[in-house]
Protein backbone atom coordinates (compact mmCIF):
# COMPACT_ATOMS: atom_id res chain seq x y z
CA MET A 1 85.49 139.39 131.45
CA ASN A 2 83.40 137.28 133.80
CA MET A 3 85.48 138.41 136.75
CA ARG A 4 84.93 142.01 135.77
CA LYS A 5 81.15 141.51 135.64
CA LEU A 6 81.24 139.79 139.02
CA LEU A 7 83.12 142.70 140.55
CA ILE A 8 80.63 145.18 139.12
CA VAL A 9 77.68 143.15 140.46
CA PHE A 10 79.41 142.78 143.85
CA ALA A 11 80.08 146.54 144.04
CA ALA A 12 76.46 147.30 143.13
CA LEU A 13 75.11 144.88 145.74
CA THR A 14 77.46 146.23 148.40
CA GLY A 15 76.32 149.78 147.68
CA CYS A 16 72.67 148.75 147.94
CA ALA A 17 73.31 146.94 151.21
CA LEU A 18 75.10 149.94 152.69
CA ALA A 19 72.31 152.27 151.63
CA ALA A 20 69.70 149.98 153.20
CA ALA A 21 71.67 149.77 156.44
CA ALA A 22 71.96 153.55 156.78
CA PRO A 23 69.70 154.77 159.58
CA ALA A 24 66.62 156.64 158.48
CA ALA A 25 66.12 160.11 159.88
CA THR A 26 63.48 159.54 162.55
CA LYS A 27 62.14 162.26 164.74
CA VAL A 28 62.00 161.15 168.37
CA VAL A 29 59.28 162.76 170.47
CA SER A 30 59.37 162.42 174.25
CA LEU A 31 55.94 161.96 175.77
CA GLU A 32 57.24 162.25 179.32
CA LEU A 33 60.51 162.71 181.19
CA GLY A 34 61.46 160.44 184.08
CA ILE A 35 62.96 161.93 187.24
CA GLU A 36 64.60 159.46 189.62
CA ALA A 37 64.34 160.22 193.33
CA PHE A 38 64.03 158.66 196.77
CA THR A 39 61.11 159.02 199.12
CA ASP A 40 63.22 160.79 201.75
CA VAL A 41 63.84 163.75 199.41
CA THR A 42 60.33 163.83 197.97
CA THR A 43 57.21 165.43 199.39
CA LEU A 44 54.11 163.94 197.83
CA PRO A 45 51.11 166.19 197.18
CA ALA A 46 48.32 166.57 199.73
CA SER A 47 45.69 166.24 196.99
CA ASN A 48 45.38 165.46 193.29
CA THR A 49 45.80 169.17 192.49
CA GLY A 50 48.90 169.75 194.63
CA THR A 51 52.60 169.57 193.88
CA VAL A 52 55.40 167.04 194.20
CA VAL A 53 58.46 168.68 195.76
CA LEU A 54 61.99 167.34 195.33
CA ASN A 55 64.58 168.69 197.74
CA CYS A 56 67.99 167.28 198.64
CA ALA A 57 71.15 168.69 200.16
CA THR A 58 73.06 168.77 196.86
CA CYS A 59 70.34 169.66 194.37
CA LYS A 60 68.12 172.56 193.49
CA LEU A 61 64.59 172.56 194.92
CA ARG A 62 62.10 171.52 192.24
CA SER A 63 58.34 171.19 192.25
CA TYR A 64 55.92 169.76 189.74
CA ALA A 65 52.13 170.04 189.64
CA VAL A 66 49.93 166.96 189.80
CA THR A 67 46.51 166.91 188.20
CA PRO A 68 43.44 164.73 188.52
CA GLN A 69 44.83 162.82 185.50
CA THR A 70 48.09 161.92 187.32
CA THR A 71 48.33 158.19 188.00
CA TYR A 72 50.10 156.45 190.89
CA PHE A 73 51.74 153.04 191.06
CA ILE A 74 53.44 150.75 193.55
CA GLY A 75 55.49 148.60 191.24
CA ALA A 76 53.12 147.75 188.39
CA GLN A 77 49.97 148.00 190.54
CA SER A 78 47.82 151.08 190.07
CA VAL A 79 46.93 152.73 193.40
CA THR A 80 45.34 155.92 194.68
CA LEU A 81 47.36 158.85 195.96
CA ALA A 82 46.30 157.96 199.52
CA GLN A 83 47.52 154.37 199.08
CA LEU A 84 50.84 155.57 197.65
CA LYS A 85 51.34 157.99 200.55
CA ALA A 86 50.52 155.26 203.09
CA PHE A 87 52.94 152.83 201.42
CA VAL A 88 55.74 155.40 201.33
CA SER A 89 55.24 156.45 204.94
CA THR A 90 55.38 152.89 206.30
CA ASN A 91 57.98 151.21 204.12
CA GLY A 92 61.14 153.26 204.71
CA ARG A 93 63.31 154.75 202.02
CA ARG A 94 62.02 153.79 198.58
CA TYR A 95 62.99 154.53 195.04
CA LEU A 96 60.54 156.75 193.10
CA THR A 97 60.26 157.68 189.47
CA ILE A 98 58.29 160.82 188.77
CA PHE A 99 57.20 161.23 185.16
CA VAL A 100 56.46 164.73 183.90
CA LYS A 101 55.40 166.18 180.58
CA PRO A 102 58.38 167.39 178.52
CA ASP A 103 57.47 171.02 179.21
CA GLU A 104 57.37 170.15 182.96
CA SER A 105 53.82 171.51 183.21
CA ALA A 106 52.37 168.47 184.98
CA VAL A 107 53.19 165.10 186.51
CA THR A 108 51.77 162.24 184.43
CA ARG A 109 52.55 159.43 186.90
CA ILE A 110 54.50 158.52 190.00
CA VAL A 111 55.90 155.02 190.48
CA ALA A 112 57.23 153.70 193.80
CA ALA A 113 59.43 150.61 193.80
CA ASN A 114 58.00 147.82 195.91
């Protein structure tokens, strides 16, 4: 009888543990999408209301609008668009990440690896 009660308690505890471990349904919302590129296939905008153009031999031409709210970084350091363009033009081929809104309506930030 005691063994039977132990098995019932064990089964109940196991069921509770499995239910607690089940992942909850969580809605994931993307705030921005990251596009990886290199400086040699990227044309940075002329102003803070221009466009970033991505063009390579094996991919489709894409362009994304920047706004006055777009931010620019070299590594983790915040810089101006002019500083980013100067860095890119004098430091050879660099890795860029261009972050855009999920609907691709605007660039939120551009990060150059230092």
